[in-house]
Amino acid sequence: MNSNKTARKHVRRTALIAGLVAAVALPLGLTASAQATTSGTTAAAVAQRTISGTSSDNVTRVADFYGAYIDAQLDADNGKLATELRTFYVRPDHLREVVKWENRNHADGILRAQNVPMKWTVKSTATAGRVNVTLTWGQGSTTKLVVDLDRNHKITRIAG
């Protein structure tokens, strides 16, 4: 009888944990999948992510650029894709400024660093045609950039 009582407690505790995960995840807009077992000792919850955007939105465009650019910097194609991305997303007059910055600072002018960040965040601002980019490095430090865009969604300035 004691083992049945313990098993029922385990099932209730597992169900309670799964319910708490769902109660926290769903109001945050996350889709939660909870799994409870009577014979096992764990309850697993997996939150699924969705990323969306539009090509006419500056935040989406800058996030797409930085995501692809960082991936390209990590790939071993000798910089070919990174160069093509710069040409596509950055207006030519500013690209010349980026190259000048790189020559002066001996670092990547898009990332404003010699290394490649582990993650990036792009946020809108109150100013039309301007977004903020935060690059996060391996040790947790960050670099904050301000990116300006023209009406065609081409990058016209990177400052930071």
N, C-alpha and C. Protein backbone atom coordinates (compact mmCIF):
# COMPACT_ATOMS: atom_id res chain seq x y z
N MET A 1 0.82 -1.19 0.00
CA MET A 1 0.00 0.00 0.00
C MET A 1 0.86 1.26 0.00
N ASN A 2 1.96 1.23 0.71
CA ASN A 2 2.84 2.38 0.77
C ASN A 2 3.39 2.74 -0.61
N SER A 3 3.73 1.73 -1.45
CA SER A 3 4.25 2.03 -2.79
C SER A 3 3.16 2.61 -3.69
N ASN A 4 1.91 2.19 -3.54
CA ASN A 4 0.80 2.78 -4.30
C ASN A 4 0.60 4.24 -3.93
N LYS A 5 0.70 4.54 -2.65
CA LYS A 5 0.54 5.91 -2.18
C LYS A 5 1.67 6.79 -2.74
N THR A 6 2.89 6.27 -2.75
CA THR A 6 4.03 7.00 -3.28
C THR A 6 3.86 7.23 -4.79
N ALA A 7 3.39 6.20 -5.50
CA ALA A 7 3.18 6.33 -6.95
C ALA A 7 2.11 7.38 -7.25
N ARG A 8 1.01 7.41 -6.48
CA ARG A 8 -0.03 8.42 -6.69
C ARG A 8 0.51 9.82 -6.43
N LYS A 9 1.34 9.97 -5.39
CA LYS A 9 1.94 11.28 -5.11
C LYS A 9 2.83 11.72 -6.27
N HIS A 10 3.59 10.76 -6.83
CA HIS A 10 4.48 11.07 -7.95
C HIS A 10 3.66 11.53 -9.16
N VAL A 11 2.57 10.83 -9.45
CA VAL A 11 1.72 11.20 -10.59
C VAL A 11 1.14 12.59 -10.38
N ARG A 12 0.65 12.88 -9.16
CA ARG A 12 0.09 14.21 -8.88
C ARG A 12 1.16 15.28 -9.01
N ARG A 13 2.36 15.02 -8.49
CA ARG A 13 3.45 15.99 -8.55
C ARG A 13 3.86 16.24 -10.01
N THR A 14 3.95 15.17 -10.82
CA THR A 14 4.30 15.30 -12.23
C THR A 14 3.25 16.10 -12.98
N ALA A 15 1.98 15.81 -12.71
CA ALA A 15 0.89 16.55 -13.36
C ALA A 15 0.90 18.02 -12.94
N LEU A 16 1.19 18.27 -11.66
CA LEU A 16 1.26 19.64 -11.16
C LEU A 16 2.38 20.41 -11.85
N ILE A 17 3.55 19.79 -12.02
CA ILE A 17 4.68 20.45 -12.68
C ILE A 17 4.31 20.75 -14.13
N ALA A 18 3.71 19.78 -14.83
CA ALA A 18 3.31 20.01 -16.23
C ALA A 18 2.29 21.14 -16.32
N GLY A 19 1.35 21.19 -15.38
CA GLY A 19 0.35 22.25 -15.37
C GLY A 19 0.96 23.61 -15.11
N LEU A 20 1.94 23.68 -14.20
CA LEU A 20 2.61 24.95 -13.93
C LEU A 20 3.38 25.45 -15.14
N VAL A 21 4.05 24.53 -15.84
CA VAL A 21 4.79 24.93 -17.04
C VAL A 21 3.82 25.50 -18.07
N ALA A 22 2.69 24.85 -18.27
CA ALA A 22 1.70 25.34 -19.22
C ALA A 22 1.12 26.68 -18.77
N ALA A 23 0.90 26.85 -17.48
CA ALA A 23 0.33 28.09 -16.96
C ALA A 23 1.28 29.26 -17.15
N VAL A 24 2.58 29.01 -17.09
CA VAL A 24 3.56 30.07 -17.28
C VAL A 24 3.80 30.32 -18.76
N ALA A 25 3.91 29.27 -19.57
CA ALA A 25 4.28 29.42 -20.97
C ALA A 25 3.16 30.01 -21.82
N LEU A 26 1.94 29.57 -21.64
CA LEU A 26 0.86 29.99 -22.52
C LEU A 26 0.55 31.48 -22.44
N PRO A 27 0.50 32.11 -21.23
CA PRO A 27 0.25 33.55 -21.21
C PRO A 27 1.38 34.36 -21.86
N LEU A 28 2.57 33.78 -21.93
CA LEU A 28 3.68 34.48 -22.56
C LEU A 28 3.65 34.35 -24.07
N GLY A 29 2.66 33.65 -24.60
CA GLY A 29 2.56 33.49 -26.04
C GLY A 29 3.33 32.29 -26.56
N LEU A 30 3.84 31.48 -25.67
CA LEU A 30 4.58 30.30 -26.08
C LEU A 30 3.63 29.12 -26.20
N THR A 31 3.92 28.23 -27.11
CA THR A 31 3.15 27.00 -27.21
C THR A 31 3.88 25.96 -26.39
N ALA A 32 3.21 25.37 -25.44
CA ALA A 32 3.86 24.41 -24.57
C ALA A 32 3.33 23.02 -24.82
N SER A 33 4.22 22.06 -24.78
CA SER A 33 3.86 20.67 -24.89
C SER A 33 4.36 20.01 -23.63
N ALA A 34 3.47 19.51 -22.79
CA ALA A 34 3.87 18.91 -21.53
C ALA A 34 3.62 17.42 -21.58
N GLN A 35 4.48 16.66 -20.95
CA GLN A 35 4.39 15.21 -20.95
C GLN A 35 4.58 14.72 -19.53
N ALA A 36 3.64 13.95 -19.04
CA ALA A 36 3.75 13.39 -17.70
C ALA A 36 3.65 11.88 -17.80
N THR A 37 4.47 11.18 -17.04
CA THR A 37 4.42 9.72 -17.04
C THR A 37 4.24 9.21 -15.63
N THR A 38 3.62 8.06 -15.53
CA THR A 38 3.43 7.47 -14.21
C THR A 38 4.59 6.58 -13.83
N SER A 39 5.31 6.04 -14.80
CA SER A 39 6.40 5.13 -14.47
C SER A 39 7.75 5.83 -14.40
N GLY A 40 7.87 6.98 -15.03
CA GLY A 40 9.13 7.71 -15.02
C GLY A 40 9.19 8.69 -13.88
N THR A 41 10.30 9.39 -13.80
CA THR A 41 10.47 10.35 -12.72
C THR A 41 10.54 11.79 -13.21
N THR A 42 10.29 11.99 -14.52
CA THR A 42 10.42 13.35 -15.03
C THR A 42 9.18 13.80 -15.77
N ALA A 43 8.99 15.08 -15.80
CA ALA A 43 7.96 15.71 -16.63
C ALA A 43 8.70 16.66 -17.56
N ALA A 44 8.45 16.58 -18.87
CA ALA A 44 9.16 17.42 -19.84
C ALA A 44 8.20 18.42 -20.46
N ALA A 45 8.70 19.63 -20.64
CA ALA A 45 7.91 20.66 -21.31
C ALA A 45 8.80 21.31 -22.35
N VAL A 46 8.27 21.46 -23.55
CA VAL A 46 9.03 22.04 -24.64
C VAL A 46 8.25 23.23 -25.19
N ALA A 47 8.89 24.39 -25.20
CA ALA A 47 8.26 25.59 -25.77
C ALA A 47 8.71 25.69 -27.23
N GLN A 48 7.78 25.84 -28.14
CA GLN A 48 8.10 25.99 -29.55
C GLN A 48 8.21 27.46 -29.88
N ARG A 49 9.16 27.80 -30.78
CA ARG A 49 9.38 29.18 -31.15
C ARG A 49 8.89 29.44 -32.56
N THR A 50 8.44 30.64 -32.78
CA THR A 50 8.04 31.10 -34.10
C THR A 50 8.70 32.45 -34.35
N ILE A 51 9.27 32.61 -35.53
CA ILE A 51 9.86 33.88 -35.92
C ILE A 51 9.17 34.33 -37.19
N SER A 52 8.73 35.57 -37.22
CA SER A 52 8.06 36.07 -38.42
C SER A 52 8.49 37.50 -38.68
N GLY A 53 8.20 37.97 -39.86
CA GLY A 53 8.54 39.34 -40.21
C GLY A 53 8.07 39.64 -41.61
N THR A 54 8.31 40.86 -42.04
CA THR A 54 7.96 41.26 -43.40
C THR A 54 9.14 42.00 -44.02
N SER A 55 9.29 41.87 -45.31
CA SER A 55 10.42 42.51 -45.98
C SER A 55 10.28 44.02 -46.05
N SER A 56 9.09 44.54 -45.76
CA SER A 56 8.88 45.99 -45.79
C SER A 56 9.11 46.63 -44.42
N ASP A 57 9.53 45.85 -43.45
CA ASP A 57 9.73 46.32 -42.09
C ASP A 57 11.22 46.44 -41.79
N ASN A 58 11.65 47.61 -41.31
CA ASN A 58 13.07 47.83 -41.04
C ASN A 58 13.64 46.88 -40.00
N VAL A 59 12.89 46.59 -38.95
CA VAL A 59 13.38 45.69 -37.90
C VAL A 59 13.64 44.31 -38.49
N THR A 60 12.69 43.82 -39.29
CA THR A 60 12.87 42.51 -39.92
C THR A 60 14.08 42.51 -40.84
N ARG A 61 14.21 43.55 -41.65
CA ARG A 61 15.32 43.61 -42.60
C ARG A 61 16.67 43.61 -41.89
N VAL A 62 16.79 44.40 -40.83
CA VAL A 62 18.07 44.46 -40.11
C VAL A 62 18.33 43.13 -39.39
N ALA A 63 17.29 42.53 -38.81
CA ALA A 63 17.45 41.24 -38.15
C ALA A 63 17.86 40.17 -39.17
N ASP A 64 17.24 40.19 -40.34
CA ASP A 64 17.62 39.24 -41.40
C ASP A 64 19.08 39.44 -41.79
N PHE A 65 19.47 40.70 -41.97
CA PHE A 65 20.84 40.99 -42.37
C PHE A 65 21.84 40.52 -41.31
N TYR A 66 21.64 40.92 -40.05
CA TYR A 66 22.60 40.54 -39.03
C TYR A 66 22.63 39.03 -38.81
N GLY A 67 21.48 38.38 -38.87
CA GLY A 67 21.46 36.93 -38.72
C GLY A 67 22.24 36.23 -39.83
N ALA A 68 21.98 36.63 -41.07
CA ALA A 68 22.68 36.02 -42.20
C ALA A 68 24.16 36.39 -42.20
N TYR A 69 24.47 37.64 -41.85
CA TYR A 69 25.86 38.11 -41.85
C TYR A 69 26.68 37.36 -40.80
N ILE A 70 26.14 37.19 -39.63
CA ILE A 70 26.84 36.46 -38.57
C ILE A 70 27.04 35.01 -38.98
N ASP A 71 26.01 34.39 -39.55
CA ASP A 71 26.16 33.01 -40.05
C ASP A 71 27.25 32.94 -41.11
N ALA A 72 27.26 33.91 -42.02
CA ALA A 72 28.26 33.92 -43.09
C ALA A 72 29.67 34.09 -42.52
N GLN A 73 29.82 34.88 -41.48
CA GLN A 73 31.13 35.07 -40.87
C GLN A 73 31.62 33.78 -40.21
N LEU A 74 30.70 32.97 -39.75
CA LEU A 74 31.07 31.70 -39.10
C LEU A 74 31.37 30.60 -40.11
N ASP A 75 30.89 30.73 -41.35
CA ASP A 75 31.13 29.73 -42.38
C ASP A 75 32.51 29.92 -42.98
N ALA A 76 32.99 28.86 -43.59
CA ALA A 76 34.35 28.88 -44.15
C ALA A 76 34.32 29.10 -45.66
N ASP A 77 33.68 30.17 -46.12
CA ASP A 77 33.65 30.44 -47.57
C ASP A 77 34.55 31.61 -47.93
N ASN A 78 35.49 31.92 -47.08
CA ASN A 78 36.46 33.01 -47.29
C ASN A 78 35.80 34.38 -47.43
N GLY A 79 34.65 34.57 -46.80
CA GLY A 79 34.02 35.88 -46.77
C GLY A 79 33.17 36.22 -47.98
N LYS A 80 33.02 35.31 -48.93
CA LYS A 80 32.26 35.61 -50.15
C LYS A 80 30.81 35.98 -49.84
N LEU A 81 30.12 35.17 -49.05
CA LEU A 81 28.73 35.45 -48.73
C LEU A 81 28.59 36.73 -47.91
N ALA A 82 29.49 36.94 -46.95
CA ALA A 82 29.43 38.17 -46.15
C ALA A 82 29.56 39.41 -47.05
N THR A 83 30.44 39.33 -48.03
CA THR A 83 30.60 40.44 -48.97
C THR A 83 29.33 40.66 -49.80
N GLU A 84 28.72 39.58 -50.25
CA GLU A 84 27.49 39.69 -51.02
C GLU A 84 26.35 40.27 -50.17
N LEU A 85 26.28 39.87 -48.91
CA LEU A 85 25.25 40.40 -48.01
C LEU A 85 25.45 41.90 -47.78
N ARG A 86 26.68 42.31 -47.59
CA ARG A 86 26.98 43.74 -47.44
C ARG A 86 26.49 44.52 -48.66
N THR A 87 26.79 44.00 -49.83
CA THR A 87 26.42 44.67 -51.08
C THR A 87 24.90 44.76 -51.21
N PHE A 88 24.19 43.73 -50.79
CA PHE A 88 22.74 43.72 -50.93
C PHE A 88 22.05 44.63 -49.90
N TYR A 89 22.49 44.60 -48.64
CA TYR A 89 21.78 45.30 -47.57
C TYR A 89 22.29 46.71 -47.28
N VAL A 90 23.53 47.01 -47.61
CA VAL A 90 24.12 48.31 -47.24
C VAL A 90 24.27 49.17 -48.50
N ARG A 91 23.81 50.40 -48.38
CA ARG A 91 23.91 51.33 -49.51
C ARG A 91 25.39 51.57 -49.84
N PRO A 92 25.74 51.67 -51.12
CA PRO A 92 27.15 51.78 -51.52
C PRO A 92 27.93 52.91 -50.84
N ASP A 93 27.32 54.09 -50.68
CA ASP A 93 28.04 55.19 -50.04
C ASP A 93 28.38 54.85 -48.59
N HIS A 94 27.49 54.17 -47.90
CA HIS A 94 27.83 53.80 -46.52
C HIS A 94 28.80 52.62 -46.48
N LEU A 95 28.72 51.75 -47.44
CA LEU A 95 29.66 50.63 -47.49
C LEU A 95 31.10 51.15 -47.59
N ARG A 96 31.29 52.24 -48.32
CA ARG A 96 32.63 52.86 -48.39
C ARG A 96 33.05 53.37 -47.01
N GLU A 97 32.09 53.92 -46.25
CA GLU A 97 32.38 54.37 -44.88
C GLU A 97 32.72 53.20 -43.97
N VAL A 98 32.04 52.08 -44.15
CA VAL A 98 32.31 50.87 -43.36
C VAL A 98 33.75 50.41 -43.61
N VAL A 99 34.15 50.39 -44.86
CA VAL A 99 35.51 49.96 -45.21
C VAL A 99 36.55 50.91 -44.60
N LYS A 100 36.29 52.22 -44.65
CA LYS A 100 37.20 53.18 -44.00
C LYS A 100 37.29 52.91 -42.50
N TRP A 101 36.15 52.64 -41.85
CA TRP A 101 36.14 52.34 -40.42
C TRP A 101 36.97 51.09 -40.15
N GLU A 102 36.81 50.08 -41.00
CA GLU A 102 37.57 48.84 -40.82
C GLU A 102 39.07 49.06 -40.95
N ASN A 103 39.48 49.88 -41.89
CA ASN A 103 40.90 50.16 -42.07
C ASN A 103 41.49 50.90 -40.87
N ARG A 104 40.71 51.81 -40.29
CA ARG A 104 41.17 52.56 -39.11
C ARG A 104 41.20 51.69 -37.85
N ASN A 105 40.22 50.80 -37.71
CA ASN A 105 40.04 50.06 -36.46
C ASN A 105 40.47 48.60 -36.50
N HIS A 106 40.84 48.10 -37.67
CA HIS A 106 41.27 46.71 -37.82
C HIS A 106 40.25 45.73 -37.23
N ALA A 107 39.00 45.96 -37.59
CA ALA A 107 37.89 45.13 -37.11
C ALA A 107 36.78 45.15 -38.15
N ASP A 108 35.80 44.30 -37.97
CA ASP A 108 34.65 44.23 -38.88
C ASP A 108 33.76 45.44 -38.66
N GLY A 109 33.50 46.20 -39.70
CA GLY A 109 32.71 47.43 -39.60
C GLY A 109 31.22 47.21 -39.42
N ILE A 110 30.72 46.06 -39.78
CA ILE A 110 29.31 45.75 -39.58
C ILE A 110 29.06 45.35 -38.13
N LEU A 111 29.97 44.54 -37.59
CA LEU A 111 29.84 44.06 -36.21
C LEU A 111 30.53 44.97 -35.21
N ARG A 112 31.38 45.86 -35.71
CA ARG A 112 32.17 46.75 -34.86
C ARG A 112 33.02 45.95 -33.87
N ALA A 113 33.61 44.85 -34.38
CA ALA A 113 34.40 43.97 -33.52
C ALA A 113 35.31 43.08 -34.37
N GLN A 114 36.26 42.44 -33.71
CA GLN A 114 37.14 41.49 -34.37
C GLN A 114 36.59 40.07 -34.31
N ASN A 115 35.63 39.85 -33.45
CA ASN A 115 35.05 38.52 -33.29
C ASN A 115 33.61 38.50 -33.80
N VAL A 116 33.00 37.32 -33.73
CA VAL A 116 31.61 37.15 -34.16
C VAL A 116 30.76 36.94 -32.90
N PRO A 117 29.66 37.68 -32.75
CA PRO A 117 28.84 37.54 -31.54
C PRO A 117 28.09 36.21 -31.50
N MET A 118 27.67 35.84 -30.29
CA MET A 118 26.91 34.60 -30.11
C MET A 118 25.43 34.82 -30.41
N LYS A 119 24.94 36.04 -30.20
CA LYS A 119 23.54 36.31 -30.50
C LYS A 119 23.36 37.80 -30.77
N TRP A 120 22.20 38.13 -31.32
CA TRP A 120 21.89 39.52 -31.66
C TRP A 120 20.42 39.77 -31.38
N THR A 121 20.12 41.02 -31.07
CA THR A 121 18.75 41.44 -30.84
C THR A 121 18.54 42.74 -31.61
N VAL A 122 17.42 42.83 -32.29
CA VAL A 122 17.10 44.03 -33.06
C VAL A 122 15.78 44.58 -32.54
N LYS A 123 15.76 45.87 -32.22
CA LYS A 123 14.55 46.51 -31.68
C LYS A 123 14.25 47.79 -32.45
N SER A 124 12.97 48.07 -32.54
CA SER A 124 12.57 49.32 -33.18
C SER A 124 12.84 50.49 -32.22
N THR A 125 12.84 51.68 -32.79
CA THR A 125 13.01 52.89 -31.99
C THR A 125 11.84 53.82 -32.30
N ALA A 126 11.78 54.92 -31.59
CA ALA A 126 10.73 55.91 -31.84
C ALA A 126 11.03 56.73 -33.10
N THR A 127 12.24 56.62 -33.61
CA THR A 127 12.64 57.37 -34.79
C THR A 127 12.43 56.52 -36.04
N ALA A 128 11.70 57.03 -37.00
CA ALA A 128 11.46 56.30 -38.25
C ALA A 128 12.78 56.07 -38.97
N GLY A 129 12.95 54.88 -39.53
CA GLY A 129 14.17 54.59 -40.27
C GLY A 129 15.37 54.28 -39.42
N ARG A 130 15.15 53.99 -38.15
CA ARG A 130 16.26 53.71 -37.23
C ARG A 130 15.90 52.51 -36.36
N VAL A 131 16.85 51.60 -36.18
CA VAL A 131 16.68 50.46 -35.28
C VAL A 131 17.92 50.31 -34.41
N ASN A 132 17.73 49.68 -33.27
CA ASN A 132 18.84 49.39 -32.37
C ASN A 132 19.21 47.92 -32.50
N VAL A 133 20.50 47.66 -32.51
CA VAL A 133 21.02 46.29 -32.57
C VAL A 133 21.89 46.08 -31.35
N THR A 134 21.66 44.98 -30.64
CA THR A 134 22.52 44.61 -29.53
C THR A 134 23.19 43.29 -29.88
N LEU A 135 24.51 43.28 -29.89
CA LEU A 135 25.29 42.08 -30.14
C LEU A 135 25.79 41.55 -28.81
N THR A 136 25.59 40.27 -28.56
CA THR A 136 26.01 39.66 -27.29
C THR A 136 27.15 38.70 -27.57
N TRP A 137 28.22 38.87 -26.80
CA TRP A 137 29.44 38.10 -26.98
C TRP A 137 29.48 36.95 -26.00
N GLY A 138 30.42 36.04 -26.20
CA GLY A 138 30.52 34.82 -25.40
C GLY A 138 30.59 35.03 -23.91
N GLN A 139 31.24 36.05 -23.45
CA GLN A 139 31.38 36.29 -22.02
C GLN A 139 30.22 37.11 -21.45
N GLY A 140 29.20 37.36 -22.28
CA GLY A 140 28.01 38.09 -21.81
C GLY A 140 28.06 39.58 -22.02
N SER A 141 29.18 40.11 -22.50
CA SER A 141 29.24 41.56 -22.76
C SER A 141 28.45 41.86 -24.03
N THR A 142 28.08 43.11 -24.18
CA THR A 142 27.27 43.50 -25.33
C THR A 142 27.86 44.71 -26.04
N THR A 143 27.51 44.82 -27.31
CA THR A 143 27.81 46.00 -28.11
C THR A 143 26.49 46.51 -28.63
N LYS A 144 26.23 47.80 -28.44
CA LYS A 144 24.98 48.39 -28.91
C LYS A 144 25.26 49.24 -30.13
N LEU A 145 24.49 49.00 -31.18
CA LEU A 145 24.63 49.73 -32.43
C LEU A 145 23.32 50.43 -32.77
N VAL A 146 23.42 51.52 -33.49
CA VAL A 146 22.26 52.20 -34.04
C VAL A 146 22.40 52.10 -35.56
N VAL A 147 21.35 51.59 -36.21
CA VAL A 147 21.38 51.38 -37.65
C VAL A 147 20.29 52.23 -38.28
N ASP A 148 20.67 53.08 -39.24
CA ASP A 148 19.72 53.90 -39.98
C ASP A 148 19.50 53.29 -41.35
N LEU A 149 18.25 53.42 -41.85
CA LEU A 149 17.88 52.88 -43.15
C LEU A 149 17.16 53.92 -43.97
N ASP A 150 17.28 53.80 -45.30
CA ASP A 150 16.54 54.71 -46.18
C ASP A 150 15.16 54.12 -46.48
N ARG A 151 14.39 54.80 -47.30
CA ARG A 151 13.02 54.34 -47.58
C ARG A 151 12.99 53.03 -48.36
N ASN A 152 14.12 52.63 -48.95
CA ASN A 152 14.22 51.35 -49.66
C ASN A 152 14.78 50.24 -48.76
N HIS A 153 14.88 50.54 -47.47
CA HIS A 153 15.35 49.59 -46.46
C HIS A 153 16.82 49.22 -46.62
N LYS A 154 17.60 50.11 -47.21
CA LYS A 154 19.05 49.92 -47.31
C LYS A 154 19.71 50.61 -46.12
N ILE A 155 20.71 49.99 -45.55
CA ILE A 155 21.41 50.56 -44.42
C ILE A 155 22.23 51.77 -44.89
N THR A 156 22.02 52.89 -44.22
CA THR A 156 22.73 54.12 -44.57
C THR A 156 23.74 54.54 -43.52
N ARG A 157 23.66 53.94 -42.34
CA ARG A 157 24.61 54.30 -41.27
C ARG A 157 24.57 53.23 -40.20
N ILE A 158 25.75 52.87 -39.70
CA ILE A 158 25.88 52.00 -38.53
C ILE A 158 26.76 52.77 -37.55
N ALA A 159 26.24 53.02 -36.37
CA ALA A 159 27.00 53.76 -35.37
C ALA A 159 27.00 52.96 -34.06
N GLY A 160 28.09 53.08 -33.36
CA GLY A 160 28.15 52.40 -32.07
C GLY A 160 29.55 52.09 -31.65
